[in-house]
Amino acid sequence: MAGSSEEAPDYGRGVVIMDDWPGYDLNLFTYPQHYYGDLEYVLIPHGIIVDRIERLAKDIMKDIGYSDIMVLCVLKGGYKFCADLVEHLKNISRNSDRFVSMKVDFIRLKSYRTQKVFTLPRLV
């Protein structure tokens, strides 16, 4: 059973989950009733994910030097992550002394047995 007293190791480079780490006990969280019986433990709590996305947004803004941004979201699985990242980027831009223009576009990937087909938008 997952232990609540154990903590994930911190290597100074983000969240690292070791193969033998039991995760967080479910009693530490609230979650929808339709998941009862299906979950055994939580590996990464939502708050840590939100924190890491915010940190990524700050790093992006630091690296680009307040240049305009073109965000390319990979559908369908990346939509929620991309939306959260864009929201954090917008918040940083709003709270700074310079406005950063941002455009968002989407690509959809389809996978088949042995090959991947990439569908890219036409940017003209």
N, C-alpha and C. Protein backbone atom coordinates (compact mmCIF):
# COMPACT_ATOMS: atom_id res chain seq x y z
N MET A 1 0.84 -1.19 0.00
CA MET A 1 0.00 0.00 0.00
C MET A 1 0.88 1.24 0.00
N ALA A 2 0.42 2.29 -0.62
CA ALA A 2 1.20 3.52 -0.73
C ALA A 2 1.34 4.17 0.64
N GLY A 3 2.53 4.67 0.92
CA GLY A 3 2.79 5.28 2.21
C GLY A 3 2.66 6.78 2.15
N SER A 4 2.10 7.37 3.19
CA SER A 4 1.94 8.82 3.23
C SER A 4 3.12 9.50 3.89
N SER A 5 3.92 8.75 4.64
CA SER A 5 5.03 9.37 5.34
C SER A 5 6.29 9.45 4.48
N GLU A 6 6.34 8.70 3.39
CA GLU A 6 7.49 8.76 2.51
C GLU A 6 7.34 9.92 1.55
N GLU A 7 8.47 10.52 1.20
CA GLU A 7 8.43 11.63 0.26
C GLU A 7 9.23 11.27 -0.98
N ALA A 8 8.81 11.83 -2.11
CA ALA A 8 9.53 11.62 -3.36
C ALA A 8 10.90 12.27 -3.24
N PRO A 9 11.93 11.63 -3.77
CA PRO A 9 13.27 12.21 -3.69
C PRO A 9 13.36 13.49 -4.50
N ASP A 10 14.16 14.44 -4.01
CA ASP A 10 14.35 15.71 -4.69
C ASP A 10 15.79 15.79 -5.17
N TYR A 11 15.96 15.80 -6.50
CA TYR A 11 17.30 15.86 -7.07
C TYR A 11 17.61 17.23 -7.64
N GLY A 12 16.78 18.24 -7.32
CA GLY A 12 17.03 19.59 -7.78
C GLY A 12 16.73 19.80 -9.26
N ARG A 13 16.10 18.86 -9.92
CA ARG A 13 15.80 19.00 -11.34
C ARG A 13 14.36 18.66 -11.65
N GLY A 14 13.49 18.97 -10.73
CA GLY A 14 12.09 18.68 -10.93
C GLY A 14 11.66 17.48 -10.12
N VAL A 15 10.54 16.93 -10.49
CA VAL A 15 10.00 15.79 -9.78
C VAL A 15 10.58 14.51 -10.38
N VAL A 16 11.18 13.72 -9.54
CA VAL A 16 11.73 12.43 -9.97
C VAL A 16 10.99 11.34 -9.21
N ILE A 17 10.42 10.41 -9.94
CA ILE A 17 9.68 9.32 -9.32
C ILE A 17 10.47 8.03 -9.53
N MET A 18 10.94 7.46 -8.46
CA MET A 18 11.71 6.22 -8.54
C MET A 18 10.74 5.05 -8.78
N ASP A 19 11.24 4.01 -9.42
CA ASP A 19 10.40 2.86 -9.75
C ASP A 19 9.78 2.19 -8.53
N ASP A 20 10.47 2.22 -7.40
CA ASP A 20 9.98 1.53 -6.21
C ASP A 20 9.23 2.45 -5.25
N TRP A 21 9.00 3.71 -5.62
CA TRP A 21 8.29 4.64 -4.74
C TRP A 21 6.81 4.31 -4.73
N PRO A 22 6.19 4.15 -3.55
CA PRO A 22 4.80 3.68 -3.48
C PRO A 22 3.75 4.74 -3.76
N GLY A 23 4.11 6.01 -3.88
CA GLY A 23 3.14 7.05 -4.14
C GLY A 23 2.51 7.58 -2.86
N TYR A 24 1.59 8.50 -3.02
CA TYR A 24 0.87 9.08 -1.89
C TYR A 24 -0.39 8.28 -1.60
N ASP A 25 -0.71 8.15 -0.35
CA ASP A 25 -1.91 7.44 0.07
C ASP A 25 -3.15 8.20 -0.40
N LEU A 26 -4.16 7.50 -0.87
CA LEU A 26 -5.38 8.12 -1.37
C LEU A 26 -6.13 8.90 -0.30
N ASN A 27 -5.94 8.56 0.96
CA ASN A 27 -6.62 9.26 2.04
C ASN A 27 -6.18 10.72 2.17
N LEU A 28 -5.12 11.10 1.50
CA LEU A 28 -4.63 12.48 1.53
C LEU A 28 -5.37 13.37 0.53
N PHE A 29 -6.20 12.79 -0.33
CA PHE A 29 -6.80 13.53 -1.44
C PHE A 29 -8.31 13.33 -1.49
N THR A 30 -8.97 14.27 -2.15
CA THR A 30 -10.36 14.08 -2.53
C THR A 30 -10.36 13.85 -4.04
N TYR A 31 -11.19 12.96 -4.49
CA TYR A 31 -11.27 12.67 -5.91
C TYR A 31 -12.67 12.16 -6.22
N PRO A 32 -13.08 12.24 -7.48
CA PRO A 32 -14.46 11.88 -7.84
C PRO A 32 -14.81 10.45 -7.45
N GLN A 33 -16.04 10.28 -7.01
CA GLN A 33 -16.50 8.99 -6.52
C GLN A 33 -16.41 7.90 -7.58
N HIS A 34 -16.57 8.25 -8.86
CA HIS A 34 -16.53 7.22 -9.90
C HIS A 34 -15.14 6.61 -10.07
N TYR A 35 -14.12 7.19 -9.40
CA TYR A 35 -12.79 6.59 -9.41
C TYR A 35 -12.56 5.65 -8.22
N TYR A 36 -13.48 5.66 -7.26
CA TYR A 36 -13.31 4.79 -6.10
C TYR A 36 -13.19 3.34 -6.56
N GLY A 37 -12.22 2.65 -6.03
CA GLY A 37 -11.99 1.26 -6.39
C GLY A 37 -11.05 1.09 -7.56
N ASP A 38 -10.85 2.15 -8.35
CA ASP A 38 -9.97 2.06 -9.51
C ASP A 38 -8.56 2.56 -9.22
N LEU A 39 -8.42 3.45 -8.27
CA LEU A 39 -7.12 4.04 -7.94
C LEU A 39 -6.50 3.36 -6.74
N GLU A 40 -5.19 3.22 -6.77
CA GLU A 40 -4.47 2.65 -5.63
C GLU A 40 -3.66 3.71 -4.89
N TYR A 41 -3.14 4.71 -5.60
CA TYR A 41 -2.29 5.75 -5.02
C TYR A 41 -2.18 6.90 -6.01
N VAL A 42 -1.57 8.00 -5.56
CA VAL A 42 -1.34 9.17 -6.40
C VAL A 42 0.17 9.35 -6.53
N LEU A 43 0.65 9.38 -7.76
CA LEU A 43 2.09 9.59 -7.99
C LEU A 43 2.46 11.07 -7.98
N ILE A 44 1.68 11.89 -8.70
CA ILE A 44 1.98 13.32 -8.79
C ILE A 44 0.70 14.10 -8.47
N PRO A 45 0.65 14.78 -7.33
CA PRO A 45 -0.53 15.57 -7.00
C PRO A 45 -0.72 16.75 -7.96
N HIS A 46 -1.96 17.15 -8.15
CA HIS A 46 -2.30 18.23 -9.08
C HIS A 46 -1.51 19.51 -8.80
N GLY A 47 -1.34 19.85 -7.53
CA GLY A 47 -0.62 21.07 -7.17
C GLY A 47 0.81 21.08 -7.68
N ILE A 48 1.46 19.94 -7.68
CA ILE A 48 2.83 19.86 -8.19
C ILE A 48 2.84 20.08 -9.69
N ILE A 49 1.86 19.52 -10.39
CA ILE A 49 1.77 19.71 -11.84
C ILE A 49 1.56 21.18 -12.17
N VAL A 50 0.66 21.84 -11.46
CA VAL A 50 0.39 23.26 -11.69
C VAL A 50 1.66 24.08 -11.42
N ASP A 51 2.36 23.76 -10.34
CA ASP A 51 3.59 24.47 -10.00
C ASP A 51 4.64 24.32 -11.08
N ARG A 52 4.79 23.12 -11.60
CA ARG A 52 5.80 22.88 -12.64
C ARG A 52 5.45 23.60 -13.95
N ILE A 53 4.15 23.67 -14.28
CA ILE A 53 3.74 24.39 -15.49
C ILE A 53 4.02 25.88 -15.32
N GLU A 54 3.75 26.42 -14.14
CA GLU A 54 4.04 27.83 -13.87
C GLU A 54 5.53 28.09 -13.96
N ARG A 55 6.33 27.17 -13.42
CA ARG A 55 7.79 27.33 -13.48
C ARG A 55 8.27 27.29 -14.94
N LEU A 56 7.70 26.38 -15.74
CA LEU A 56 8.04 26.29 -17.15
C LEU A 56 7.71 27.59 -17.87
N ALA A 57 6.56 28.18 -17.58
CA ALA A 57 6.17 29.46 -18.19
C ALA A 57 7.17 30.55 -17.83
N LYS A 58 7.59 30.60 -16.58
CA LYS A 58 8.58 31.59 -16.16
C LYS A 58 9.91 31.38 -16.88
N ASP A 59 10.32 30.13 -17.02
CA ASP A 59 11.56 29.83 -17.72
C ASP A 59 11.48 30.22 -19.20
N ILE A 60 10.33 29.96 -19.82
CA ILE A 60 10.13 30.33 -21.22
C ILE A 60 10.24 31.85 -21.38
N MET A 61 9.56 32.59 -20.53
CA MET A 61 9.61 34.05 -20.62
C MET A 61 11.02 34.57 -20.39
N LYS A 62 11.74 33.94 -19.49
CA LYS A 62 13.12 34.35 -19.24
C LYS A 62 14.00 34.06 -20.46
N ASP A 63 13.81 32.91 -21.08
CA ASP A 63 14.64 32.50 -22.21
C ASP A 63 14.36 33.29 -23.49
N ILE A 64 13.10 33.64 -23.73
CA ILE A 64 12.78 34.33 -24.99
C ILE A 64 12.98 35.83 -24.91
N GLY A 65 13.13 36.35 -23.73
CA GLY A 65 13.37 37.78 -23.59
C GLY A 65 12.20 38.64 -24.04
N TYR A 66 11.01 38.22 -23.78
CA TYR A 66 9.79 38.96 -24.10
C TYR A 66 9.62 39.18 -25.60
N SER A 67 9.99 38.21 -26.39
CA SER A 67 9.70 38.22 -27.82
C SER A 67 8.30 37.65 -28.02
N ASP A 68 7.78 37.82 -29.23
CA ASP A 68 6.49 37.23 -29.53
C ASP A 68 6.61 35.71 -29.49
N ILE A 69 5.51 35.05 -29.15
CA ILE A 69 5.52 33.61 -28.96
C ILE A 69 4.54 32.94 -29.92
N MET A 70 4.96 31.85 -30.53
CA MET A 70 4.07 31.00 -31.31
C MET A 70 4.02 29.66 -30.57
N VAL A 71 2.85 29.31 -30.06
CA VAL A 71 2.66 28.07 -29.32
C VAL A 71 2.03 27.06 -30.26
N LEU A 72 2.62 25.89 -30.34
CA LEU A 72 2.09 24.82 -31.18
C LEU A 72 1.67 23.68 -30.27
N CYS A 73 0.37 23.45 -30.19
CA CYS A 73 -0.19 22.44 -29.30
C CYS A 73 -0.43 21.15 -30.06
N VAL A 74 0.01 20.05 -29.49
CA VAL A 74 -0.21 18.73 -30.09
C VAL A 74 -1.52 18.17 -29.53
N LEU A 75 -2.50 17.99 -30.43
CA LEU A 75 -3.80 17.45 -30.04
C LEU A 75 -3.75 15.94 -30.03
N LYS A 76 -4.53 15.30 -29.33
CA LYS A 76 -5.53 15.74 -28.42
C LYS A 76 -4.98 15.73 -27.00
N GLY A 77 -4.01 14.89 -26.77
CA GLY A 77 -3.50 14.70 -25.42
C GLY A 77 -2.84 15.90 -24.79
N GLY A 78 -2.30 16.81 -25.60
CA GLY A 78 -1.58 17.95 -25.05
C GLY A 78 -2.43 19.18 -24.81
N TYR A 79 -3.73 19.10 -25.08
CA TYR A 79 -4.58 20.29 -25.00
C TYR A 79 -4.61 20.91 -23.60
N LYS A 80 -4.88 20.13 -22.58
CA LYS A 80 -5.00 20.66 -21.22
C LYS A 80 -3.68 21.26 -20.75
N PHE A 81 -2.59 20.56 -20.99
CA PHE A 81 -1.27 21.08 -20.62
C PHE A 81 -0.99 22.39 -21.35
N CYS A 82 -1.26 22.41 -22.65
CA CYS A 82 -1.00 23.60 -23.45
C CYS A 82 -1.85 24.77 -22.98
N ALA A 83 -3.12 24.53 -22.72
CA ALA A 83 -4.01 25.60 -22.26
C ALA A 83 -3.52 26.17 -20.93
N ASP A 84 -3.10 25.30 -20.02
CA ASP A 84 -2.59 25.77 -18.73
C ASP A 84 -1.30 26.57 -18.91
N LEU A 85 -0.41 26.10 -19.78
CA LEU A 85 0.86 26.80 -20.03
C LEU A 85 0.59 28.17 -20.65
N VAL A 86 -0.30 28.24 -21.64
CA VAL A 86 -0.63 29.52 -22.27
C VAL A 86 -1.22 30.48 -21.25
N GLU A 87 -2.07 30.00 -20.38
CA GLU A 87 -2.66 30.86 -19.35
C GLU A 87 -1.60 31.44 -18.43
N HIS A 88 -0.63 30.64 -18.03
CA HIS A 88 0.46 31.14 -17.19
C HIS A 88 1.31 32.14 -17.96
N LEU A 89 1.58 31.88 -19.23
CA LEU A 89 2.35 32.83 -20.05
C LEU A 89 1.62 34.16 -20.16
N LYS A 90 0.30 34.11 -20.36
CA LYS A 90 -0.48 35.34 -20.43
C LYS A 90 -0.43 36.12 -19.12
N ASN A 91 -0.54 35.41 -18.01
CA ASN A 91 -0.48 36.07 -16.70
C ASN A 91 0.85 36.77 -16.48
N ILE A 92 1.93 36.12 -16.87
CA ILE A 92 3.25 36.73 -16.72
C ILE A 92 3.34 37.97 -17.61
N SER A 93 2.84 37.88 -18.84
CA SER A 93 2.87 39.00 -19.75
C SER A 93 2.04 40.17 -19.20
N ARG A 94 0.84 39.88 -18.68
CA ARG A 94 -0.03 40.92 -18.13
C ARG A 94 0.62 41.65 -16.96
N ASN A 95 1.39 40.92 -16.18
CA ASN A 95 1.98 41.50 -14.98
C ASN A 95 3.38 42.05 -15.19
N SER A 96 3.80 42.15 -16.44
CA SER A 96 5.14 42.70 -16.72
C SER A 96 4.99 44.08 -17.35
N ASP A 97 6.09 44.73 -17.56
CA ASP A 97 6.06 46.07 -18.15
C ASP A 97 6.03 46.02 -19.68
N ARG A 98 6.16 44.83 -20.27
CA ARG A 98 6.11 44.69 -21.73
C ARG A 98 5.07 43.66 -22.11
N PHE A 99 4.33 43.94 -23.17
CA PHE A 99 3.32 43.02 -23.67
C PHE A 99 3.97 42.01 -24.60
N VAL A 100 3.62 40.75 -24.44
CA VAL A 100 4.12 39.69 -25.31
C VAL A 100 2.96 39.18 -26.16
N SER A 101 3.10 39.31 -27.47
CA SER A 101 2.08 38.80 -28.38
C SER A 101 2.21 37.28 -28.47
N MET A 102 1.06 36.61 -28.45
CA MET A 102 1.07 35.16 -28.46
C MET A 102 0.06 34.62 -29.46
N LYS A 103 0.50 33.70 -30.29
CA LYS A 103 -0.39 33.01 -31.20
C LYS A 103 -0.36 31.53 -30.86
N VAL A 104 -1.51 30.88 -30.94
CA VAL A 104 -1.60 29.46 -30.64
C VAL A 104 -2.14 28.75 -31.87
N ASP A 105 -1.50 27.67 -32.25
CA ASP A 105 -1.98 26.84 -33.34
C ASP A 105 -1.91 25.39 -32.89
N PHE A 106 -2.52 24.51 -33.67
CA PHE A 106 -2.65 23.12 -33.25
C PHE A 106 -2.21 22.18 -34.36
N ILE A 107 -1.62 21.06 -33.96
CA ILE A 107 -1.35 19.96 -34.88
C ILE A 107 -1.97 18.71 -34.27
N ARG A 108 -2.32 17.80 -35.13
CA ARG A 108 -2.88 16.55 -34.65
C ARG A 108 -2.03 15.42 -35.19
N LEU A 109 -1.66 14.51 -34.32
CA LEU A 109 -0.85 13.37 -34.70
C LEU A 109 -1.73 12.13 -34.70
N LYS A 110 -1.57 11.33 -35.72
CA LYS A 110 -2.25 10.04 -35.77
C LYS A 110 -1.18 8.97 -35.81
N SER A 111 -1.35 7.97 -35.00
CA SER A 111 -0.36 6.89 -35.00
C SER A 111 -0.99 5.62 -35.57
N TYR A 112 -0.20 4.92 -36.31
CA TYR A 112 -0.60 3.64 -36.87
C TYR A 112 0.37 2.59 -36.34
N ARG A 113 0.27 1.37 -36.79
CA ARG A 113 1.09 0.30 -36.22
C ARG A 113 2.58 0.61 -36.25
N THR A 114 3.15 0.89 -37.40
CA THR A 114 4.59 1.06 -37.50
C THR A 114 5.01 2.44 -37.95
N GLN A 115 4.06 3.31 -38.24
CA GLN A 115 4.44 4.63 -38.71
C GLN A 115 3.58 5.69 -38.06
N LYS A 116 4.10 6.89 -38.03
CA LYS A 116 3.35 8.02 -37.52
C LYS A 116 3.14 8.99 -38.67
N VAL A 117 1.94 9.54 -38.73
CA VAL A 117 1.62 10.54 -39.74
C VAL A 117 1.45 11.86 -39.03
N PHE A 118 2.17 12.88 -39.46
CA PHE A 118 2.10 14.19 -38.84
C PHE A 118 1.29 15.12 -39.75
N THR A 119 0.32 15.77 -39.17
CA THR A 119 -0.48 16.74 -39.89
C THR A 119 -0.11 18.12 -39.38
N LEU A 120 0.52 18.92 -40.22
CA LEU A 120 0.94 20.25 -39.81
C LEU A 120 0.02 21.30 -40.41
N PRO A 121 -0.26 22.34 -39.65
CA PRO A 121 -1.09 23.41 -40.19
C PRO A 121 -0.31 24.22 -41.21
N ARG A 122 -1.02 24.83 -42.10
CA ARG A 122 -0.38 25.69 -43.09
C ARG A 122 -0.25 27.08 -42.50
N LEU A 123 0.95 27.54 -42.28
CA LEU A 123 1.19 28.85 -41.69
C LEU A 123 1.62 29.81 -42.79
N VAL A 124 0.70 30.60 -43.24
CA VAL A 124 1.00 31.57 -44.31
C VAL A 124 0.58 32.94 -43.85
